[in-house]
Amino acid sequence: MDRLTTLRERIILHPDPGSFTAEGESARWSNKDLDPVPQANKKWEWYHVGGFWIAEGFNVAQLQTPGGAVALGLNPGLAMIACLVGNLLVTIPTCSSAYIGSKWGINFPVMSRASFGLRGSYVAIIIRGVVCVIWMGVQSSVGGNAVRCMVEAIWPSFKTWRLDALPESAAITAPDMLCFAIFWIVQFPFLFLSMNALRWGSEDSLLVPFSPRG
């Protein structure tokens, strides 16, 4: 029980001395992770975000979208047009919401309070969290398949390694599960990077130590 108490104290977020807190409330509404980003720490300009958005569009999962459309019978030209139109439609609300964050340095949990209220914003945060979990799973599954292709190219016998270790009802094989785990472990350290570290040339492009307190 003492260990659980210690763990809770380690992960709880405390407000900074100069941050705003509602009277009688805890750090729920204001802490280092929720307070606006100081101007000195803002390293991303609009063209950096635009370049990142374009580069991010050329990922494997995005390329699978037109590939899946072609597999379902759509010709390549229409598949590309459909993806282009879809991305343009998404760009409008994305840029609208991103402008607020880039202008005033506030993040999504705080921004959503304007529409949902303080407690109602939890609904938007939960929805976004669930989508992120699903998206993380999709990306990691694709990455696991890439790892399996690389391992099989090095050791061809891996194609038949323990294929009967799991029942068919599991809908996954032991090699797939192993490669998924390898990819997840390899990508895990990148979660410790700060947002500034994602932009080349940033003064703060360093691996920052993880702190549950923000």
N, C-alpha and C. Protein backbone atom coordinates (compact mmCIF):
# COMPACT_ATOMS: atom_id res chain seq x y z
N MET A 1 0.82 -1.20 0.00
CA MET A 1 0.00 0.00 0.00
C MET A 1 0.86 1.26 0.00
N ASP A 2 1.97 1.18 0.74
CA ASP A 2 2.89 2.32 0.78
C ASP A 2 3.47 2.60 -0.60
N ARG A 3 3.70 1.52 -1.37
CA ARG A 3 4.24 1.70 -2.71
C ARG A 3 3.24 2.42 -3.62
N LEU A 4 1.95 2.09 -3.46
CA LEU A 4 0.93 2.75 -4.26
C LEU A 4 0.85 4.22 -3.90
N THR A 5 0.97 4.52 -2.63
CA THR A 5 0.94 5.91 -2.19
C THR A 5 2.13 6.68 -2.75
N THR A 6 3.30 6.03 -2.72
CA THR A 6 4.49 6.68 -3.27
C THR A 6 4.35 6.91 -4.77
N LEU A 7 3.79 5.91 -5.48
CA LEU A 7 3.58 6.05 -6.92
C LEU A 7 2.63 7.19 -7.22
N ARG A 8 1.56 7.31 -6.42
CA ARG A 8 0.59 8.39 -6.63
C ARG A 8 1.26 9.75 -6.43
N GLU A 9 2.12 9.87 -5.44
CA GLU A 9 2.80 11.13 -5.19
C GLU A 9 3.77 11.48 -6.33
N ARG A 10 4.29 10.46 -7.00
CA ARG A 10 5.25 10.70 -8.07
C ARG A 10 4.56 11.17 -9.35
N ILE A 11 3.34 10.68 -9.60
CA ILE A 11 2.67 11.01 -10.86
C ILE A 11 1.74 12.20 -10.75
N ILE A 12 1.42 12.64 -9.53
CA ILE A 12 0.50 13.76 -9.38
C ILE A 12 1.16 15.04 -9.86
N LEU A 13 0.41 15.89 -10.52
CA LEU A 13 0.92 17.16 -11.03
C LEU A 13 0.63 18.27 -10.04
N HIS A 14 1.65 19.02 -9.70
CA HIS A 14 1.50 20.13 -8.77
C HIS A 14 1.63 21.45 -9.53
N PRO A 15 0.89 22.46 -9.13
CA PRO A 15 0.98 23.76 -9.82
C PRO A 15 2.30 24.45 -9.53
N ASP A 16 2.75 25.22 -10.52
CA ASP A 16 3.93 26.04 -10.30
C ASP A 16 3.57 27.20 -9.37
N PRO A 17 4.55 27.76 -8.68
CA PRO A 17 4.26 28.87 -7.77
C PRO A 17 3.57 30.05 -8.45
N GLY A 18 3.94 30.31 -9.72
CA GLY A 18 3.37 31.46 -10.39
C GLY A 18 2.17 31.15 -11.26
N SER A 19 1.70 29.92 -11.26
CA SER A 19 0.60 29.55 -12.15
C SER A 19 -0.74 29.84 -11.49
N PHE A 20 -1.78 29.95 -12.32
CA PHE A 20 -3.12 30.27 -11.83
C PHE A 20 -3.82 28.99 -11.37
N THR A 21 -4.45 29.05 -10.23
CA THR A 21 -5.25 27.92 -9.75
C THR A 21 -6.57 28.45 -9.24
N ALA A 22 -7.64 27.73 -9.55
CA ALA A 22 -8.94 28.13 -9.07
C ALA A 22 -8.99 27.99 -7.55
N GLU A 23 -9.67 28.91 -6.91
CA GLU A 23 -9.70 28.91 -5.45
C GLU A 23 -10.34 27.62 -4.94
N GLY A 24 -9.68 26.97 -4.01
CA GLY A 24 -10.20 25.75 -3.42
C GLY A 24 -9.99 24.52 -4.27
N GLU A 25 -9.36 24.65 -5.41
CA GLU A 25 -9.14 23.51 -6.29
C GLU A 25 -7.68 23.08 -6.23
N SER A 26 -7.42 21.88 -6.73
CA SER A 26 -6.06 21.35 -6.76
C SER A 26 -5.41 21.75 -8.08
N ALA A 27 -4.38 21.00 -8.45
CA ALA A 27 -3.67 21.29 -9.70
C ALA A 27 -4.43 20.76 -10.92
N ARG A 28 -5.69 20.42 -10.73
CA ARG A 28 -6.48 19.88 -11.84
C ARG A 28 -6.61 20.87 -12.99
N TRP A 29 -6.73 22.15 -12.65
CA TRP A 29 -6.99 23.14 -13.69
C TRP A 29 -5.73 23.84 -14.16
N SER A 30 -4.67 23.80 -13.39
CA SER A 30 -3.46 24.53 -13.78
C SER A 30 -2.23 23.84 -13.22
N ASN A 31 -1.32 23.49 -14.11
CA ASN A 31 -0.02 22.94 -13.72
C ASN A 31 0.93 23.17 -14.88
N LYS A 32 2.14 22.71 -14.75
CA LYS A 32 3.15 23.01 -15.76
C LYS A 32 2.78 22.46 -17.13
N ASP A 33 2.03 21.34 -17.18
CA ASP A 33 1.64 20.75 -18.45
C ASP A 33 0.47 21.49 -19.10
N LEU A 34 -0.31 22.21 -18.30
CA LEU A 34 -1.50 22.88 -18.82
C LEU A 34 -1.31 24.37 -19.03
N ASP A 35 -0.37 24.97 -18.32
CA ASP A 35 -0.14 26.41 -18.46
C ASP A 35 0.38 26.75 -19.86
N PRO A 36 0.10 27.95 -20.36
CA PRO A 36 0.60 28.35 -21.68
C PRO A 36 2.12 28.24 -21.77
N VAL A 37 2.60 27.86 -22.93
CA VAL A 37 4.03 27.74 -23.16
C VAL A 37 4.65 29.13 -23.23
N PRO A 38 5.69 29.39 -22.45
CA PRO A 38 6.34 30.71 -22.50
C PRO A 38 6.85 31.02 -23.91
N GLN A 39 6.83 32.27 -24.28
CA GLN A 39 7.25 32.68 -25.61
C GLN A 39 8.68 32.23 -25.91
N ALA A 40 9.53 32.26 -24.90
CA ALA A 40 10.93 31.88 -25.09
C ALA A 40 11.10 30.42 -25.46
N ASN A 41 10.11 29.59 -25.10
CA ASN A 41 10.19 28.15 -25.37
C ASN A 41 9.49 27.75 -26.66
N LYS A 42 8.89 28.70 -27.36
CA LYS A 42 8.17 28.39 -28.60
C LYS A 42 9.15 28.42 -29.77
N LYS A 43 9.48 27.27 -30.27
CA LYS A 43 10.47 27.14 -31.35
C LYS A 43 9.83 26.82 -32.70
N TRP A 44 8.53 26.58 -32.71
CA TRP A 44 7.85 26.17 -33.94
C TRP A 44 7.12 27.37 -34.55
N GLU A 45 7.49 27.72 -35.78
CA GLU A 45 6.76 28.72 -36.53
C GLU A 45 5.72 28.01 -37.40
N TRP A 46 4.86 28.81 -38.05
CA TRP A 46 3.78 28.21 -38.83
C TRP A 46 4.33 27.34 -39.96
N TYR A 47 5.45 27.75 -40.56
CA TYR A 47 6.00 26.97 -41.68
C TYR A 47 6.65 25.68 -41.19
N HIS A 48 7.12 25.65 -39.95
CA HIS A 48 7.62 24.39 -39.39
C HIS A 48 6.47 23.40 -39.23
N VAL A 49 5.36 23.91 -38.70
CA VAL A 49 4.20 23.04 -38.50
C VAL A 49 3.67 22.55 -39.84
N GLY A 50 3.64 23.46 -40.85
CA GLY A 50 3.18 23.05 -42.18
C GLY A 50 4.07 22.01 -42.80
N GLY A 51 5.38 22.19 -42.67
CA GLY A 51 6.31 21.19 -43.19
C GLY A 51 6.17 19.85 -42.49
N PHE A 52 5.98 19.89 -41.18
CA PHE A 52 5.79 18.65 -40.42
C PHE A 52 4.51 17.95 -40.84
N TRP A 53 3.45 18.74 -41.06
CA TRP A 53 2.16 18.17 -41.47
C TRP A 53 2.29 17.48 -42.83
N ILE A 54 3.01 18.10 -43.76
CA ILE A 54 3.19 17.50 -45.09
C ILE A 54 4.04 16.24 -44.99
N ALA A 55 5.14 16.31 -44.22
CA ALA A 55 6.02 15.15 -44.08
C ALA A 55 5.30 14.00 -43.39
N GLU A 56 4.48 14.34 -42.40
CA GLU A 56 3.75 13.30 -41.67
C GLU A 56 2.75 12.57 -42.57
N GLY A 57 2.30 13.26 -43.62
CA GLY A 57 1.35 12.64 -44.53
C GLY A 57 1.94 11.51 -45.35
N PHE A 58 3.27 11.47 -45.43
CA PHE A 58 3.92 10.41 -46.22
C PHE A 58 4.36 9.25 -45.31
N ASN A 59 3.48 8.85 -44.41
CA ASN A 59 3.79 7.69 -43.58
C ASN A 59 3.13 6.45 -44.16
N VAL A 60 3.50 5.29 -43.65
CA VAL A 60 3.02 4.03 -44.22
C VAL A 60 1.51 3.91 -44.11
N ALA A 61 0.96 4.30 -42.95
CA ALA A 61 -0.49 4.18 -42.77
C ALA A 61 -1.24 5.05 -43.76
N GLN A 62 -0.71 6.25 -44.03
CA GLN A 62 -1.35 7.13 -45.01
C GLN A 62 -1.26 6.54 -46.41
N LEU A 63 -0.14 5.93 -46.74
CA LEU A 63 0.01 5.31 -48.06
C LEU A 63 -0.89 4.09 -48.21
N GLN A 64 -1.25 3.48 -47.09
CA GLN A 64 -2.15 2.33 -47.15
C GLN A 64 -3.56 2.73 -47.54
N THR A 65 -3.92 4.00 -47.29
CA THR A 65 -5.28 4.45 -47.60
C THR A 65 -5.58 4.37 -49.09
N PRO A 66 -4.77 4.99 -49.96
CA PRO A 66 -5.06 4.83 -51.40
C PRO A 66 -4.84 3.39 -51.86
N GLY A 67 -3.87 2.69 -51.23
CA GLY A 67 -3.66 1.29 -51.60
C GLY A 67 -4.88 0.44 -51.30
N GLY A 68 -5.50 0.70 -50.12
CA GLY A 68 -6.71 -0.04 -49.77
C GLY A 68 -7.87 0.31 -50.68
N ALA A 69 -7.96 1.59 -51.10
CA ALA A 69 -9.03 2.01 -52.01
C ALA A 69 -8.88 1.32 -53.36
N VAL A 70 -7.63 1.21 -53.84
CA VAL A 70 -7.40 0.52 -55.12
C VAL A 70 -7.75 -0.96 -54.99
N ALA A 71 -7.41 -1.55 -53.85
CA ALA A 71 -7.73 -2.97 -53.65
C ALA A 71 -9.23 -3.21 -53.63
N LEU A 72 -10.00 -2.20 -53.24
CA LEU A 72 -11.46 -2.32 -53.20
C LEU A 72 -12.11 -2.02 -54.54
N GLY A 73 -11.30 -1.63 -55.55
CA GLY A 73 -11.84 -1.44 -56.89
C GLY A 73 -11.73 -0.04 -57.45
N LEU A 74 -11.29 0.94 -56.65
CA LEU A 74 -11.15 2.30 -57.14
C LEU A 74 -9.87 2.41 -57.95
N ASN A 75 -9.91 3.13 -59.07
CA ASN A 75 -8.69 3.24 -59.88
C ASN A 75 -7.69 4.16 -59.19
N PRO A 76 -6.41 4.02 -59.47
CA PRO A 76 -5.37 4.79 -58.76
C PRO A 76 -5.58 6.29 -58.79
N GLY A 77 -6.01 6.83 -59.94
CA GLY A 77 -6.21 8.26 -60.05
C GLY A 77 -7.27 8.77 -59.09
N LEU A 78 -8.44 8.10 -59.06
CA LEU A 78 -9.51 8.51 -58.16
C LEU A 78 -9.12 8.31 -56.70
N ALA A 79 -8.33 7.27 -56.43
CA ALA A 79 -7.88 7.03 -55.06
C ALA A 79 -7.02 8.18 -54.57
N MET A 80 -6.11 8.67 -55.41
CA MET A 80 -5.26 9.79 -55.04
C MET A 80 -6.08 11.07 -54.86
N ILE A 81 -7.06 11.27 -55.74
CA ILE A 81 -7.91 12.46 -55.63
C ILE A 81 -8.73 12.41 -54.35
N ALA A 82 -9.25 11.23 -54.02
CA ALA A 82 -10.04 11.08 -52.80
C ALA A 82 -9.20 11.40 -51.56
N CYS A 83 -7.97 10.91 -51.55
CA CYS A 83 -7.07 11.19 -50.42
C CYS A 83 -6.72 12.67 -50.34
N LEU A 84 -6.52 13.31 -51.50
CA LEU A 84 -6.21 14.73 -51.53
C LEU A 84 -7.37 15.56 -51.00
N VAL A 85 -8.59 15.25 -51.47
CA VAL A 85 -9.77 15.98 -51.02
C VAL A 85 -9.97 15.78 -49.52
N GLY A 86 -9.80 14.54 -49.06
CA GLY A 86 -9.96 14.25 -47.64
C GLY A 86 -8.98 15.02 -46.78
N ASN A 87 -7.73 15.09 -47.21
CA ASN A 87 -6.72 15.82 -46.45
C ASN A 87 -6.97 17.32 -46.47
N LEU A 88 -7.45 17.83 -47.59
CA LEU A 88 -7.77 19.26 -47.66
C LEU A 88 -8.92 19.61 -46.71
N LEU A 89 -9.91 18.73 -46.62
CA LEU A 89 -11.03 18.96 -45.71
C LEU A 89 -10.57 18.93 -44.25
N VAL A 90 -9.66 18.02 -43.96
CA VAL A 90 -9.13 17.93 -42.59
C VAL A 90 -8.25 19.13 -42.26
N THR A 91 -7.60 19.68 -43.28
CA THR A 91 -6.67 20.79 -43.06
C THR A 91 -7.39 22.02 -42.48
N ILE A 92 -8.62 22.26 -42.91
CA ILE A 92 -9.34 23.46 -42.48
C ILE A 92 -9.55 23.48 -40.97
N PRO A 93 -10.21 22.47 -40.36
CA PRO A 93 -10.36 22.52 -38.89
C PRO A 93 -9.03 22.35 -38.16
N THR A 94 -8.09 21.63 -38.77
CA THR A 94 -6.79 21.46 -38.12
C THR A 94 -6.05 22.78 -37.99
N CYS A 95 -6.00 23.54 -39.08
CA CYS A 95 -5.33 24.84 -39.03
C CYS A 95 -6.07 25.82 -38.13
N SER A 96 -7.38 25.73 -38.10
CA SER A 96 -8.16 26.64 -37.26
C SER A 96 -7.86 26.42 -35.79
N SER A 97 -7.82 25.16 -35.36
CA SER A 97 -7.53 24.87 -33.96
C SER A 97 -6.05 25.06 -33.65
N ALA A 98 -5.18 24.76 -34.61
CA ALA A 98 -3.74 24.90 -34.38
C ALA A 98 -3.34 26.36 -34.25
N TYR A 99 -4.08 27.26 -34.90
CA TYR A 99 -3.74 28.68 -34.82
C TYR A 99 -3.84 29.18 -33.38
N ILE A 100 -4.86 28.70 -32.67
CA ILE A 100 -5.04 29.12 -31.28
C ILE A 100 -3.85 28.68 -30.44
N GLY A 101 -3.44 27.43 -30.64
CA GLY A 101 -2.32 26.91 -29.86
C GLY A 101 -1.02 27.61 -30.19
N SER A 102 -0.78 27.88 -31.46
CA SER A 102 0.47 28.52 -31.86
C SER A 102 0.49 30.00 -31.48
N LYS A 103 -0.69 30.62 -31.43
CA LYS A 103 -0.77 32.05 -31.11
C LYS A 103 -0.60 32.30 -29.62
N TRP A 104 -1.27 31.52 -28.79
CA TRP A 104 -1.26 31.77 -27.36
C TRP A 104 -0.56 30.68 -26.55
N GLY A 105 -0.06 29.64 -27.22
CA GLY A 105 0.71 28.63 -26.53
C GLY A 105 -0.09 27.74 -25.61
N ILE A 106 -1.37 27.54 -25.90
CA ILE A 106 -2.18 26.65 -25.06
C ILE A 106 -2.42 25.34 -25.79
N ASN A 107 -2.66 24.28 -25.04
CA ASN A 107 -2.81 22.95 -25.63
C ASN A 107 -4.27 22.54 -25.72
N PHE A 108 -4.50 21.35 -26.26
CA PHE A 108 -5.86 20.90 -26.53
C PHE A 108 -6.72 20.77 -25.27
N PRO A 109 -6.23 20.17 -24.18
CA PRO A 109 -7.08 20.06 -22.98
C PRO A 109 -7.60 21.41 -22.49
N VAL A 110 -6.75 22.44 -22.57
CA VAL A 110 -7.17 23.77 -22.14
C VAL A 110 -8.09 24.40 -23.18
N MET A 111 -7.75 24.24 -24.44
CA MET A 111 -8.54 24.82 -25.53
C MET A 111 -9.96 24.28 -25.54
N SER A 112 -10.11 23.00 -25.22
CA SER A 112 -11.44 22.38 -25.26
C SER A 112 -12.37 22.91 -24.18
N ARG A 113 -11.82 23.57 -23.16
CA ARG A 113 -12.66 24.12 -22.10
C ARG A 113 -13.55 25.23 -22.61
N ALA A 114 -13.12 25.92 -23.67
CA ALA A 114 -13.93 27.00 -24.22
C ALA A 114 -15.25 26.47 -24.78
N SER A 115 -15.25 25.26 -25.29
CA SER A 115 -16.46 24.68 -25.89
C SER A 115 -17.21 23.78 -24.93
N PHE A 116 -16.48 23.03 -24.09
CA PHE A 116 -17.11 22.02 -23.25
C PHE A 116 -17.18 22.41 -21.77
N GLY A 117 -16.51 23.48 -21.39
CA GLY A 117 -16.46 23.83 -19.98
C GLY A 117 -15.32 23.10 -19.28
N LEU A 118 -15.08 23.44 -18.01
CA LEU A 118 -13.97 22.85 -17.29
C LEU A 118 -14.11 21.34 -17.16
N ARG A 119 -15.23 20.89 -16.62
CA ARG A 119 -15.42 19.45 -16.43
C ARG A 119 -15.87 18.76 -17.72
N GLY A 120 -16.62 19.46 -18.53
CA GLY A 120 -17.06 18.87 -19.79
C GLY A 120 -15.92 18.58 -20.75
N SER A 121 -14.80 19.29 -20.57
CA SER A 121 -13.64 19.07 -21.45
C SER A 121 -13.07 17.67 -21.28
N TYR A 122 -13.39 17.02 -20.16
CA TYR A 122 -12.91 15.65 -19.97
C TYR A 122 -13.46 14.72 -21.06
N VAL A 123 -14.67 15.01 -21.53
CA VAL A 123 -15.28 14.19 -22.59
C VAL A 123 -14.42 14.26 -23.85
N ALA A 124 -14.07 15.49 -24.24
CA ALA A 124 -13.23 15.66 -25.44
C ALA A 124 -11.86 15.03 -25.26
N ILE A 125 -11.30 15.14 -24.06
CA ILE A 125 -9.98 14.57 -23.80
C ILE A 125 -10.02 13.05 -23.86
N ILE A 126 -11.07 12.46 -23.30
CA ILE A 126 -11.20 10.99 -23.33
C ILE A 126 -11.35 10.49 -24.76
N ILE A 127 -12.20 11.18 -25.55
CA ILE A 127 -12.39 10.79 -26.94
C ILE A 127 -11.07 10.84 -27.70
N ARG A 128 -10.35 11.93 -27.51
CA ARG A 128 -9.07 12.07 -28.19
C ARG A 128 -8.07 11.02 -27.70
N GLY A 129 -8.10 10.71 -26.41
CA GLY A 129 -7.21 9.70 -25.87
C GLY A 129 -7.47 8.33 -26.46
N VAL A 130 -8.76 7.98 -26.60
CA VAL A 130 -9.12 6.68 -27.17
C VAL A 130 -8.65 6.59 -28.63
N VAL A 131 -8.86 7.66 -29.39
CA VAL A 131 -8.42 7.69 -30.78
C VAL A 131 -6.90 7.53 -30.86
N CYS A 132 -6.19 8.19 -29.95
CA CYS A 132 -4.72 8.10 -29.95
C CYS A 132 -4.25 6.68 -29.65
N VAL A 133 -4.95 6.00 -28.74
CA VAL A 133 -4.59 4.61 -28.43
C VAL A 133 -4.78 3.72 -29.66
N ILE A 134 -5.91 3.92 -30.35
CA ILE A 134 -6.17 3.14 -31.56
C ILE A 134 -5.12 3.43 -32.63
N TRP A 135 -4.83 4.73 -32.82
CA TRP A 135 -3.85 5.12 -33.84
C TRP A 135 -2.47 4.58 -33.50
N MET A 136 -2.12 4.62 -32.22
CA MET A 136 -0.84 4.08 -31.79
C MET A 136 -0.75 2.58 -32.09
N GLY A 137 -1.86 1.88 -31.87
CA GLY A 137 -1.89 0.45 -32.16
C GLY A 137 -1.74 0.16 -33.64
N VAL A 138 -2.41 0.97 -34.48
CA VAL A 138 -2.31 0.78 -35.93
C VAL A 138 -0.88 1.00 -36.40
N GLN A 139 -0.27 2.10 -35.95
CA GLN A 139 1.10 2.41 -36.36
C GLN A 139 2.08 1.35 -35.86
N SER A 140 1.89 0.88 -34.63
CA SER A 140 2.79 -0.13 -34.09
C SER A 140 2.61 -1.47 -34.80
N SER A 141 1.38 -1.76 -35.21
CA SER A 141 1.14 -2.99 -35.97
C SER A 141 1.84 -2.95 -37.31
N VAL A 142 1.76 -1.80 -37.99
CA VAL A 142 2.46 -1.64 -39.27
C VAL A 142 3.97 -1.73 -39.06
N GLY A 143 4.45 -1.09 -37.99
CA GLY A 143 5.88 -1.15 -37.69
C GLY A 143 6.33 -2.57 -37.37
N GLY A 144 5.47 -3.32 -36.66
CA GLY A 144 5.80 -4.71 -36.36
C GLY A 144 5.91 -5.56 -37.62
N ASN A 145 5.05 -5.29 -38.60
CA ASN A 145 5.14 -6.01 -39.87
C ASN A 145 6.46 -5.68 -40.59
N ALA A 146 6.89 -4.42 -40.48
CA ALA A 146 8.16 -4.04 -41.10
C ALA A 146 9.33 -4.75 -40.42
N VAL A 147 9.27 -4.85 -39.09
CA VAL A 147 10.31 -5.57 -38.36
C VAL A 147 10.35 -7.03 -38.77
N ARG A 148 9.16 -7.62 -38.95
CA ARG A 148 9.12 -9.03 -39.34
C ARG A 148 9.73 -9.23 -40.73
N CYS A 149 9.47 -8.31 -41.65
CA CYS A 149 10.07 -8.42 -42.98
C CYS A 149 11.59 -8.36 -42.90
N MET A 150 12.11 -7.49 -42.05
CA MET A 150 13.56 -7.36 -41.91
C MET A 150 14.16 -8.61 -41.28
N VAL A 151 13.49 -9.14 -40.25
CA VAL A 151 14.01 -10.34 -39.58
C VAL A 151 13.97 -11.53 -40.53
N GLU A 152 12.89 -11.66 -41.29
CA GLU A 152 12.79 -12.78 -42.22
C GLU A 152 13.83 -12.67 -43.34
N ALA A 153 14.19 -11.43 -43.72
CA ALA A 153 15.21 -11.26 -44.75
C ALA A 153 16.58 -11.70 -44.24
N ILE A 154 16.81 -11.54 -42.93
CA ILE A 154 18.08 -11.95 -42.33
C ILE A 154 18.08 -13.43 -42.00
N TRP A 155 16.99 -13.88 -41.37
CA TRP A 155 16.84 -15.30 -40.99
C TRP A 155 15.57 -15.84 -41.61
N PRO A 156 15.63 -16.42 -42.81
CA PRO A 156 14.44 -16.94 -43.49
C PRO A 156 13.65 -17.95 -42.67
N SER A 157 14.32 -18.66 -41.77
CA SER A 157 13.63 -19.67 -40.96
C SER A 157 12.61 -19.04 -40.00
N PHE A 158 12.71 -17.74 -39.81
CA PHE A 158 11.77 -17.05 -38.90
C PHE A 158 10.34 -17.11 -39.43
N LYS A 159 10.18 -17.34 -40.73
CA LYS A 159 8.84 -17.42 -41.31
C LYS A 159 8.02 -18.53 -40.69
N THR A 160 8.67 -19.59 -40.26
CA THR A 160 7.96 -20.75 -39.70
C THR A 160 8.24 -20.92 -38.21
N TRP A 161 8.79 -19.91 -37.56
CA TRP A 161 9.15 -20.02 -36.15
C TRP A 161 7.91 -20.01 -35.27
N ARG A 162 7.67 -21.11 -34.58
CA ARG A 162 6.58 -21.24 -33.60
C ARG A 162 5.23 -20.73 -34.13
N LEU A 163 4.91 -21.10 -35.34
CA LEU A 163 3.63 -20.65 -35.91
C LEU A 163 2.43 -21.25 -35.20
N ASP A 164 2.63 -22.41 -34.56
CA ASP A 164 1.52 -23.06 -33.86
C ASP A 164 1.55 -22.81 -32.35
N ALA A 165 2.31 -21.82 -31.92
CA ALA A 165 2.41 -21.55 -30.48
C ALA A 165 1.13 -20.94 -29.93
N LEU A 166 0.38 -20.25 -30.77
CA LEU A 166 -0.87 -19.62 -30.34
C LEU A 166 -2.03 -20.22 -31.13
N PRO A 167 -3.21 -20.31 -30.52
CA PRO A 167 -4.37 -20.84 -31.25
C PRO A 167 -4.81 -19.91 -32.36
N GLU A 168 -5.53 -20.43 -33.32
CA GLU A 168 -6.00 -19.61 -34.44
C GLU A 168 -6.94 -18.51 -33.97
N SER A 169 -7.66 -18.76 -32.87
CA SER A 169 -8.59 -17.75 -32.36
C SER A 169 -7.88 -16.49 -31.87
N ALA A 170 -6.57 -16.56 -31.65
CA ALA A 170 -5.82 -15.39 -31.20
C ALA A 170 -5.67 -14.37 -32.31
N ALA A 171 -5.83 -14.79 -33.55
CA ALA A 171 -5.72 -13.90 -34.72
C ALA A 171 -4.37 -13.23 -34.81
N ILE A 172 -3.35 -13.83 -34.23
CA ILE A 172 -1.99 -13.31 -34.31
C ILE A 172 -1.03 -14.47 -34.06
N THR A 173 0.09 -14.44 -34.70
CA THR A 173 1.08 -15.50 -34.54
C THR A 173 2.18 -15.05 -33.58
N ALA A 174 2.94 -16.00 -33.09
CA ALA A 174 4.04 -15.68 -32.19
C ALA A 174 5.07 -14.76 -32.85
N PRO A 175 5.45 -14.99 -34.11
CA PRO A 175 6.38 -14.05 -34.76
C PRO A 175 5.82 -12.63 -34.85
N ASP A 176 4.53 -12.51 -35.17
CA ASP A 176 3.92 -11.18 -35.25
C ASP A 176 3.94 -10.49 -33.89
N MET A 177 3.63 -11.24 -32.83
CA MET A 177 3.61 -10.66 -31.49
C MET A 177 5.01 -10.24 -31.06
N LEU A 178 6.01 -11.06 -31.39
CA LEU A 178 7.39 -10.73 -31.03
C LEU A 178 7.86 -9.48 -31.76
N CYS A 179 7.56 -9.39 -33.05
CA CYS A 179 8.00 -8.23 -33.84
C CYS A 179 7.26 -6.97 -33.40
N PHE A 180 6.00 -7.10 -33.03
CA PHE A 180 5.25 -5.96 -32.51
C PHE A 180 5.91 -5.45 -31.23
N ALA A 181 6.29 -6.39 -30.34
CA ALA A 181 6.94 -6.00 -29.09
C ALA A 181 8.28 -5.34 -29.34
N ILE A 182 9.04 -5.87 -30.29
CA ILE A 182 10.35 -5.28 -30.61
C ILE A 182 10.18 -3.85 -31.11
N PHE A 183 9.22 -3.64 -32.01
CA PHE A 183 9.00 -2.29 -32.53
C PHE A 183 8.56 -1.35 -31.42
N TRP A 184 7.70 -1.81 -30.54
CA TRP A 184 7.20 -0.97 -29.45
C TRP A 184 8.35 -0.57 -28.52
N ILE A 185 9.23 -1.51 -28.21
CA ILE A 185 10.36 -1.23 -27.33
C ILE A 185 11.32 -0.24 -27.97
N VAL A 186 11.55 -0.40 -29.29
CA VAL A 186 12.47 0.50 -30.00
C VAL A 186 11.93 1.93 -30.04
N GLN A 187 10.62 2.09 -30.23
CA GLN A 187 10.06 3.43 -30.33
C GLN A 187 9.82 4.08 -28.98
N PHE A 188 9.80 3.29 -27.92
CA PHE A 188 9.47 3.83 -26.59
C PHE A 188 10.39 4.97 -26.15
N PRO A 189 11.72 4.88 -26.33
CA PRO A 189 12.59 5.99 -25.88
C PRO A 189 12.27 7.33 -26.53
N PHE A 190 11.69 7.32 -27.73
CA PHE A 190 11.39 8.58 -28.40
C PHE A 190 10.26 9.34 -27.72
N LEU A 191 9.50 8.66 -26.84
CA LEU A 191 8.45 9.34 -26.10
C LEU A 191 9.02 10.29 -25.05
N PHE A 192 10.31 10.18 -24.77
CA PHE A 192 10.95 11.03 -23.79
C PHE A 192 11.45 12.34 -24.41
N LEU A 193 11.29 12.50 -25.71
CA LEU A 193 11.73 13.72 -26.36
C LEU A 193 10.73 14.84 -26.12
N SER A 194 11.25 16.03 -25.94
CA SER A 194 10.37 17.20 -25.81
C SER A 194 9.88 17.61 -27.19
N MET A 195 8.85 18.44 -27.23
CA MET A 195 8.33 18.92 -28.51
C MET A 195 9.39 19.71 -29.27
N ASN A 196 10.19 20.50 -28.54
CA ASN A 196 11.23 21.28 -29.20
C ASN A 196 12.27 20.40 -29.86
N ALA A 197 12.48 19.20 -29.30
CA ALA A 197 13.49 18.31 -29.84
C ALA A 197 13.09 17.72 -31.18
N LEU A 198 11.81 17.86 -31.55
CA LEU A 198 11.35 17.31 -32.83
C LEU A 198 11.72 18.20 -34.00
N ARG A 199 12.21 19.40 -33.72
CA ARG A 199 12.58 20.30 -34.81
C ARG A 199 14.09 20.45 -34.85
N TRP A 200 14.71 20.12 -35.99
CA TRP A 200 16.14 20.24 -36.15
C TRP A 200 16.57 21.69 -35.98
N GLY A 201 17.68 21.87 -35.27
CA GLY A 201 18.21 23.21 -35.11
C GLY A 201 17.69 23.94 -33.90
N SER A 202 16.72 23.33 -33.19
CA SER A 202 16.20 23.98 -32.00
C SER A 202 17.23 23.96 -30.89
N GLU A 203 17.29 25.03 -30.11
CA GLU A 203 18.25 25.12 -29.03
C GLU A 203 17.98 24.09 -27.95
N ASP A 204 16.72 23.67 -27.87
CA ASP A 204 16.34 22.72 -26.84
C ASP A 204 16.21 21.31 -27.38
N SER A 205 16.88 21.01 -28.50
CA SER A 205 16.79 19.69 -29.10
C SER A 205 17.64 18.68 -28.32
N LEU A 206 17.19 18.40 -27.13
CA LEU A 206 17.90 17.48 -26.25
C LEU A 206 16.93 16.45 -25.72
N LEU A 207 17.48 15.32 -25.32
CA LEU A 207 16.67 14.29 -24.70
C LEU A 207 16.44 14.68 -23.25
N VAL A 208 15.20 15.04 -22.95
CA VAL A 208 14.92 15.52 -21.60
C VAL A 208 14.51 14.37 -20.72
N PRO A 209 14.90 14.38 -19.44
CA PRO A 209 14.51 13.30 -18.53
C PRO A 209 13.02 13.33 -18.28
N PHE A 210 12.42 12.16 -18.15
CA PHE A 210 10.99 12.06 -17.93
C PHE A 210 10.64 12.51 -16.53
N SER A 211 9.63 13.34 -16.41
CA SER A 211 9.18 13.79 -15.10
C SER A 211 7.68 13.74 -15.05
N PRO A 212 7.07 12.86 -14.23
CA PRO A 212 5.61 12.80 -14.15
C PRO A 212 5.00 14.11 -13.71
N ARG A 213 5.78 14.97 -13.08
CA ARG A 213 5.25 16.25 -12.62
C ARG A 213 5.24 17.29 -13.74
N GLY A 214 5.73 16.91 -14.96
CA GLY A 214 5.73 17.85 -16.09
C GLY A 214 7.07 18.49 -16.25
